[in-house]
N, C-alpha and C. Protein backbone atom coordinates (compact mmCIF):
# COMPACT_ATOMS: atom_id res chain seq x y z
N MET A 1 -23.35 -28.58 -0.98
CA MET A 1 -22.50 -27.41 -0.88
C MET A 1 -21.13 -27.73 -0.27
N PRO A 2 -20.00 -27.59 -0.77
CA PRO A 2 -19.01 -27.97 -0.16
C PRO A 2 -18.60 -26.86 1.17
N THR A 3 -17.53 -27.36 2.01
CA THR A 3 -17.31 -26.36 3.13
C THR A 3 -16.00 -25.76 2.73
N THR A 4 -15.25 -26.46 1.98
CA THR A 4 -13.86 -25.82 1.69
C THR A 4 -13.32 -26.23 0.28
N LEU A 5 -12.89 -25.05 -0.16
CA LEU A 5 -12.25 -25.23 -1.87
C LEU A 5 -10.86 -25.02 -1.74
N ILE A 6 -10.14 -25.96 -2.23
CA ILE A 6 -8.64 -25.86 -2.32
C ILE A 6 -8.17 -26.14 -3.82
N ALA A 7 -7.51 -24.86 -4.10
CA ALA A 7 -6.82 -24.92 -5.48
C ALA A 7 -5.33 -24.47 -5.59
N CYS A 8 -4.73 -24.80 -6.52
CA CYS A 8 -3.31 -24.08 -6.79
C CYS A 8 -3.53 -22.88 -7.21
N VAL A 9 -2.51 -21.82 -6.90
CA VAL A 9 -2.65 -20.58 -7.24
C VAL A 9 -1.14 -20.16 -7.99
N GLY A 10 -1.29 -19.81 -9.31
CA GLY A 10 0.00 -19.48 -9.88
C GLY A 10 -0.33 -17.96 -10.28
N GLY A 11 -0.62 -17.87 -11.57
CA GLY A 11 -1.36 -16.56 -12.03
C GLY A 11 -2.69 -16.56 -11.36
N GLY A 12 -3.47 -17.72 -11.37
CA GLY A 12 -4.76 -17.71 -10.66
C GLY A 12 -5.85 -18.19 -11.34
N SER A 13 -5.73 -18.61 -12.95
CA SER A 13 -6.93 -19.02 -13.41
C SER A 13 -7.49 -20.56 -13.13
N ASN A 14 -6.68 -21.21 -12.53
CA ASN A 14 -7.12 -22.54 -11.95
C ASN A 14 -8.04 -22.31 -10.84
N ALA A 15 -7.59 -21.56 -9.83
CA ALA A 15 -8.10 -21.42 -8.64
C ALA A 15 -9.74 -20.73 -8.64
N ILE A 16 -9.39 -19.54 -9.64
CA ILE A 16 -10.63 -18.44 -9.56
C ILE A 16 -11.65 -19.29 -10.62
N GLY A 17 -11.35 -20.16 -11.42
CA GLY A 17 -12.12 -20.90 -12.12
C GLY A 17 -13.03 -21.80 -11.08
N LEU A 18 -12.60 -22.22 -9.98
CA LEU A 18 -13.51 -22.91 -8.96
C LEU A 18 -13.96 -21.91 -7.93
N PHE A 19 -13.11 -20.91 -7.48
CA PHE A 19 -13.73 -19.97 -6.51
C PHE A 19 -14.89 -19.10 -6.86
N ASP A 20 -14.95 -18.76 -8.18
CA ASP A 20 -15.83 -17.78 -8.71
C ASP A 20 -17.22 -18.20 -8.34
N ALA A 21 -17.53 -19.43 -8.52
CA ALA A 21 -19.03 -20.03 -8.38
C ALA A 21 -19.40 -19.96 -7.04
N PHE A 22 -18.47 -19.87 -6.06
CA PHE A 22 -18.69 -19.70 -4.45
C PHE A 22 -18.50 -18.53 -3.98
N ARG A 23 -18.16 -17.46 -4.66
CA ARG A 23 -17.52 -16.13 -4.16
C ARG A 23 -18.49 -15.55 -2.92
N ASP A 24 -19.87 -15.95 -3.14
CA ASP A 24 -21.04 -15.29 -2.30
C ASP A 24 -21.33 -16.24 -1.43
N GLU A 25 -20.92 -17.43 -1.27
CA GLU A 25 -21.27 -18.46 -0.28
C GLU A 25 -20.69 -18.70 0.75
N ASP A 26 -20.92 -19.28 1.92
CA ASP A 26 -20.07 -19.48 3.18
C ASP A 26 -19.23 -20.86 3.18
N VAL A 27 -18.28 -20.71 2.09
CA VAL A 27 -17.33 -21.76 1.96
C VAL A 27 -15.88 -21.07 1.99
N GLU A 28 -15.34 -21.76 2.71
CA GLU A 28 -13.70 -21.59 2.91
C GLU A 28 -12.86 -21.57 1.58
N MET A 29 -12.29 -20.83 1.28
CA MET A 29 -11.30 -20.83 -0.09
C MET A 29 -9.83 -20.77 0.29
N VAL A 30 -9.10 -21.77 -0.16
CA VAL A 30 -7.68 -22.09 0.17
C VAL A 30 -6.92 -21.92 -1.12
N GLY A 31 -6.07 -21.02 -1.48
CA GLY A 31 -5.29 -20.96 -2.53
C GLY A 31 -3.85 -21.51 -2.11
N VAL A 32 -3.33 -22.53 -2.76
CA VAL A 32 -1.99 -22.99 -2.47
C VAL A 32 -0.98 -22.69 -3.47
N GLU A 33 -0.03 -22.13 -2.80
CA GLU A 33 1.03 -21.58 -3.71
C GLU A 33 2.33 -22.63 -3.63
N ALA A 34 3.34 -22.53 -4.68
CA ALA A 34 4.53 -23.16 -4.69
C ALA A 34 5.52 -22.87 -3.67
N GLY A 35 5.55 -23.51 -2.61
CA GLY A 35 6.63 -23.07 -1.41
C GLY A 35 8.04 -23.38 -1.95
N GLY A 36 8.24 -24.21 -2.92
CA GLY A 36 9.42 -24.53 -3.39
C GLY A 36 10.60 -25.03 -2.36
N GLN A 37 11.73 -24.54 -2.23
CA GLN A 37 12.80 -24.91 -1.29
C GLN A 37 12.54 -24.19 -0.10
N GLY A 38 11.54 -23.52 0.21
CA GLY A 38 11.03 -22.63 1.50
C GLY A 38 11.22 -21.20 1.43
N ILE A 39 10.53 -20.49 2.13
CA ILE A 39 10.44 -19.01 2.11
C ILE A 39 11.72 -18.24 2.36
N ALA A 40 12.34 -18.90 3.42
CA ALA A 40 13.74 -18.33 3.78
C ALA A 40 14.68 -18.56 2.79
N SER A 41 14.54 -19.42 1.75
CA SER A 41 15.65 -19.85 0.93
C SER A 41 15.55 -18.70 -0.38
N GLY A 42 14.24 -18.03 -0.50
CA GLY A 42 14.24 -17.32 -1.50
C GLY A 42 13.76 -18.06 -3.00
N LYS A 43 13.76 -19.11 -2.81
CA LYS A 43 13.62 -20.18 -4.00
C LYS A 43 12.13 -20.61 -3.91
N HIS A 44 11.21 -19.83 -4.23
CA HIS A 44 9.95 -20.37 -4.23
C HIS A 44 8.91 -19.49 -5.15
N ALA A 45 7.68 -19.74 -5.05
CA ALA A 45 6.66 -19.05 -5.86
C ALA A 45 5.48 -18.75 -4.98
N ALA A 46 5.95 -18.24 -3.76
CA ALA A 46 4.62 -17.95 -2.99
C ALA A 46 4.67 -16.33 -2.66
N ARG A 47 3.86 -15.70 -3.38
CA ARG A 47 3.96 -14.27 -3.42
C ARG A 47 3.33 -13.71 -2.38
N PHE A 48 2.08 -14.31 -1.89
CA PHE A 48 1.59 -13.90 -0.41
C PHE A 48 2.52 -13.98 0.77
N ALA A 49 3.47 -14.72 0.65
CA ALA A 49 4.32 -15.07 1.88
C ALA A 49 5.01 -13.83 2.10
N GLU A 50 5.55 -13.14 1.10
CA GLU A 50 6.54 -11.85 1.20
C GLU A 50 5.68 -10.62 1.26
N ARG A 51 4.31 -10.71 0.87
CA ARG A 51 3.46 -9.59 0.80
C ARG A 51 4.07 -8.48 0.01
N GLY A 52 4.63 -8.43 -0.97
CA GLY A 52 5.34 -7.57 -1.81
C GLY A 52 4.33 -7.09 -2.93
N VAL A 53 3.92 -5.85 -3.05
CA VAL A 53 3.26 -5.47 -4.03
C VAL A 53 3.89 -4.53 -4.97
N GLY A 54 3.47 -4.73 -6.46
CA GLY A 54 4.01 -4.08 -7.47
C GLY A 54 3.29 -4.14 -8.77
N VAL A 55 3.85 -3.68 -9.69
CA VAL A 55 2.90 -3.80 -11.04
C VAL A 55 3.72 -4.73 -12.10
N LEU A 56 2.87 -5.61 -12.46
CA LEU A 56 3.56 -6.72 -13.32
C LEU A 56 2.60 -6.85 -14.72
N HIS A 57 2.85 -6.56 -15.99
CA HIS A 57 1.72 -6.89 -17.17
C HIS A 57 0.49 -5.74 -16.77
N GLY A 58 0.79 -4.76 -16.14
CA GLY A 58 -0.15 -3.69 -16.17
C GLY A 58 -1.16 -3.95 -14.84
N THR A 59 -1.00 -4.90 -14.06
CA THR A 59 -1.60 -5.02 -12.71
C THR A 59 -0.95 -4.74 -11.67
N TYR A 60 -1.55 -4.02 -10.63
CA TYR A 60 -0.94 -3.77 -9.43
C TYR A 60 -1.25 -4.96 -8.45
N THR A 61 -0.61 -5.91 -8.07
CA THR A 61 -0.92 -7.02 -7.38
C THR A 61 0.16 -7.64 -6.57
N TYR A 62 0.06 -8.68 -5.87
CA TYR A 62 1.19 -9.36 -5.06
C TYR A 62 2.09 -9.93 -6.18
N LEU A 63 3.50 -9.71 -5.67
CA LEU A 63 4.40 -10.33 -6.53
C LEU A 63 5.60 -10.53 -6.25
N LEU A 64 6.70 -11.43 -6.66
CA LEU A 64 7.76 -11.62 -6.09
C LEU A 64 8.91 -10.35 -6.77
N GLN A 65 9.45 -9.75 -5.76
CA GLN A 65 10.43 -8.60 -6.15
C GLN A 65 11.58 -8.67 -5.15
N ASP A 66 12.65 -7.85 -5.63
CA ASP A 66 13.87 -7.75 -4.92
C ASP A 66 13.65 -6.35 -4.25
N ASP A 67 14.72 -5.88 -3.50
CA ASP A 67 14.79 -4.71 -2.51
C ASP A 67 14.61 -3.66 -3.55
N ASP A 68 14.85 -3.63 -4.98
CA ASP A 68 14.90 -2.36 -5.68
C ASP A 68 13.55 -2.47 -6.58
N GLY A 69 12.65 -3.42 -6.23
CA GLY A 69 11.41 -3.43 -6.99
C GLY A 69 11.37 -4.36 -8.25
N GLN A 70 12.53 -5.06 -8.65
CA GLN A 70 12.53 -5.43 -9.72
C GLN A 70 11.86 -7.02 -9.46
N VAL A 71 11.27 -7.28 -10.53
CA VAL A 71 10.55 -8.89 -10.40
C VAL A 71 11.62 -10.07 -10.44
N ARG A 72 11.48 -10.80 -9.37
CA ARG A 72 12.27 -11.78 -9.20
C ARG A 72 11.88 -13.26 -9.86
N GLU A 73 12.76 -14.13 -10.17
CA GLU A 73 12.49 -15.49 -10.89
C GLU A 73 11.70 -16.12 -9.65
N THR A 74 10.76 -16.97 -10.13
CA THR A 74 10.07 -18.03 -9.25
C THR A 74 10.85 -19.41 -9.37
N HIS A 75 10.49 -20.12 -8.30
CA HIS A 75 11.14 -21.36 -8.16
C HIS A 75 10.17 -22.48 -8.15
N SER A 76 9.90 -23.20 -9.15
CA SER A 76 8.63 -24.16 -8.97
C SER A 76 8.90 -25.35 -10.02
N ILE A 77 8.64 -26.56 -9.62
CA ILE A 77 8.88 -27.58 -10.82
C ILE A 77 7.55 -27.52 -11.62
N SER A 78 6.47 -26.89 -11.34
CA SER A 78 5.23 -26.91 -11.98
C SER A 78 5.29 -25.41 -12.71
N ALA A 79 5.24 -25.74 -14.27
CA ALA A 79 5.17 -24.75 -15.15
C ALA A 79 4.01 -23.87 -14.90
N GLY A 80 2.87 -24.33 -14.53
CA GLY A 80 1.65 -23.52 -14.11
C GLY A 80 1.81 -22.86 -12.85
N LEU A 81 2.62 -23.04 -12.13
CA LEU A 81 2.74 -22.09 -10.79
C LEU A 81 4.02 -21.24 -10.90
N ASP A 82 4.70 -21.29 -11.94
CA ASP A 82 5.99 -20.64 -12.01
C ASP A 82 5.56 -19.28 -12.76
N TYR A 83 4.93 -18.48 -11.91
CA TYR A 83 4.68 -17.16 -12.15
C TYR A 83 5.05 -16.00 -11.33
N PRO A 84 5.40 -14.86 -11.51
CA PRO A 84 5.92 -14.40 -10.28
C PRO A 84 4.71 -13.41 -9.59
N ALA A 85 3.66 -13.59 -10.04
CA ALA A 85 2.39 -12.48 -9.62
C ALA A 85 1.25 -13.35 -9.59
N VAL A 86 0.15 -12.77 -8.84
CA VAL A 86 -1.13 -13.41 -8.63
C VAL A 86 -1.91 -12.42 -9.31
N GLY A 87 -3.14 -13.06 -9.92
CA GLY A 87 -4.07 -12.20 -10.53
C GLY A 87 -4.76 -11.36 -9.69
N PRO A 88 -5.27 -10.14 -10.09
CA PRO A 88 -5.94 -9.31 -9.35
C PRO A 88 -7.17 -9.64 -8.58
N GLU A 89 -7.95 -10.75 -8.92
CA GLU A 89 -9.06 -11.39 -8.22
C GLU A 89 -8.47 -12.16 -6.91
N HIS A 90 -7.29 -12.70 -7.05
CA HIS A 90 -6.62 -13.50 -5.99
C HIS A 90 -6.26 -12.37 -4.84
N ALA A 91 -5.60 -11.23 -5.18
CA ALA A 91 -5.30 -10.26 -4.60
C ALA A 91 -6.35 -9.64 -3.82
N HIS A 92 -7.50 -9.43 -4.50
CA HIS A 92 -8.72 -8.80 -3.67
C HIS A 92 -9.20 -10.01 -2.73
N PHE A 93 -9.39 -11.26 -2.90
CA PHE A 93 -9.69 -11.98 -1.93
C PHE A 93 -8.92 -12.17 -0.87
N PHE A 94 -7.46 -11.96 -1.05
CA PHE A 94 -6.65 -11.94 0.18
C PHE A 94 -6.89 -10.71 0.89
N GLU A 95 -6.82 -9.55 0.17
CA GLU A 95 -6.96 -8.36 1.05
C GLU A 95 -8.40 -8.14 1.93
N THR A 96 -9.32 -8.84 1.30
CA THR A 96 -10.68 -8.91 2.05
C THR A 96 -11.02 -9.99 2.83
N GLU A 97 -9.93 -10.91 2.82
CA GLU A 97 -9.75 -12.13 3.79
C GLU A 97 -10.86 -13.02 3.38
N ARG A 98 -11.34 -12.85 2.13
CA ARG A 98 -12.49 -13.92 1.70
C ARG A 98 -11.81 -15.24 1.43
N ALA A 99 -10.35 -15.36 0.97
CA ALA A 99 -9.67 -16.43 0.89
C ALA A 99 -8.35 -16.35 1.56
N HIS A 100 -7.80 -17.47 1.75
CA HIS A 100 -6.45 -17.31 2.49
C HIS A 100 -5.48 -18.20 1.82
N PRO A 101 -3.96 -17.78 1.59
CA PRO A 101 -3.15 -18.67 1.12
C PRO A 101 -2.53 -19.61 2.00
N SER A 102 -2.01 -20.65 1.34
CA SER A 102 -1.28 -21.84 2.04
C SER A 102 0.02 -22.02 1.03
N ARG A 103 0.80 -22.78 1.34
CA ARG A 103 1.83 -23.12 0.44
C ARG A 103 2.53 -24.64 0.84
N VAL A 104 2.84 -25.24 -0.46
CA VAL A 104 3.39 -26.38 -0.13
C VAL A 104 5.00 -26.36 -0.72
N GLY A 105 5.78 -26.96 -0.02
CA GLY A 105 7.29 -26.91 -0.42
C GLY A 105 7.64 -28.24 -0.96
N ILE A 106 9.03 -28.47 -1.35
CA ILE A 106 9.49 -29.64 -1.88
C ILE A 106 10.33 -30.29 -0.73
N ARG A 107 10.05 -31.32 -0.30
CA ARG A 107 11.05 -31.79 0.71
C ARG A 107 12.18 -32.19 -0.14
N ALA A 108 13.54 -32.10 0.60
CA ALA A 108 14.80 -32.55 -0.25
C ALA A 108 14.84 -33.81 -0.79
N ARG A 109 14.26 -34.87 0.03
CA ARG A 109 14.23 -36.20 -0.54
C ARG A 109 13.44 -36.38 -1.65
N GLY A 110 12.19 -35.78 -1.67
CA GLY A 110 11.25 -36.01 -2.66
C GLY A 110 11.80 -35.11 -4.09
N ARG A 111 12.58 -34.13 -3.88
CA ARG A 111 13.10 -33.49 -4.90
C ARG A 111 14.28 -34.17 -5.62
N ARG A 112 15.11 -34.69 -4.66
CA ARG A 112 16.00 -35.63 -5.41
C ARG A 112 15.63 -36.81 -6.24
N SER A 113 14.43 -37.40 -5.64
CA SER A 113 13.88 -38.35 -6.11
C SER A 113 13.29 -38.02 -7.76
N PHE A 114 12.75 -36.87 -7.68
CA PHE A 114 12.12 -36.14 -8.96
C PHE A 114 13.18 -36.25 -9.86
N GLU A 115 14.25 -35.49 -9.54
CA GLU A 115 15.38 -34.95 -10.37
C GLU A 115 16.16 -36.34 -10.99
N THR A 116 16.11 -37.28 -10.02
CA THR A 116 16.89 -38.45 -10.46
C THR A 116 15.95 -39.02 -11.68
N ARG A 117 14.84 -39.11 -11.37
CA ARG A 117 13.71 -39.88 -12.45
C ARG A 117 13.70 -39.16 -13.61
N ALA A 118 13.81 -37.57 -13.74
CA ALA A 118 13.85 -36.77 -14.77
C ALA A 118 15.13 -36.94 -15.60
N GLU A 119 16.09 -37.13 -15.00
CA GLU A 119 17.53 -37.30 -15.58
C GLU A 119 17.46 -38.61 -16.43
N ASN A 120 16.95 -39.66 -15.61
CA ASN A 120 16.89 -41.13 -16.32
C ASN A 120 16.05 -41.03 -17.50
N GLU A 121 14.90 -40.31 -17.42
CA GLU A 121 13.99 -40.37 -18.38
C GLU A 121 14.48 -39.69 -19.81
N THR A 122 15.42 -38.68 -19.68
CA THR A 122 15.82 -37.93 -20.63
C THR A 122 16.87 -38.61 -21.31
N ARG A 123 17.59 -39.74 -21.00
CA ARG A 123 18.55 -40.37 -21.37
C ARG A 123 18.22 -41.34 -22.64
């Protein structure tokens, strides 16, 4: 039996696929969100960091939104994490403290290396 489960959280299907089998077990669950360029920059995909709730695609959940309640764009280099909301099961796990969020950002140096490589490969 594992002691900790760690999975990326975009819309949630990857992490829920792992977490579901252990939902009733004494196992720590950590969902890692895309921290992008940092929470303060506003350029991220960390829905739990801002704790904003609203409706997207018929689901009331945590999502990225502006002061007027409009859905904001995400900022992530991963297409799978580039979604402005989390699935309802993740919202439930967060609300009940069954799982907790974490986030990973892109360091400026690593990002420049990635962008340079991507530019060179497309030439």
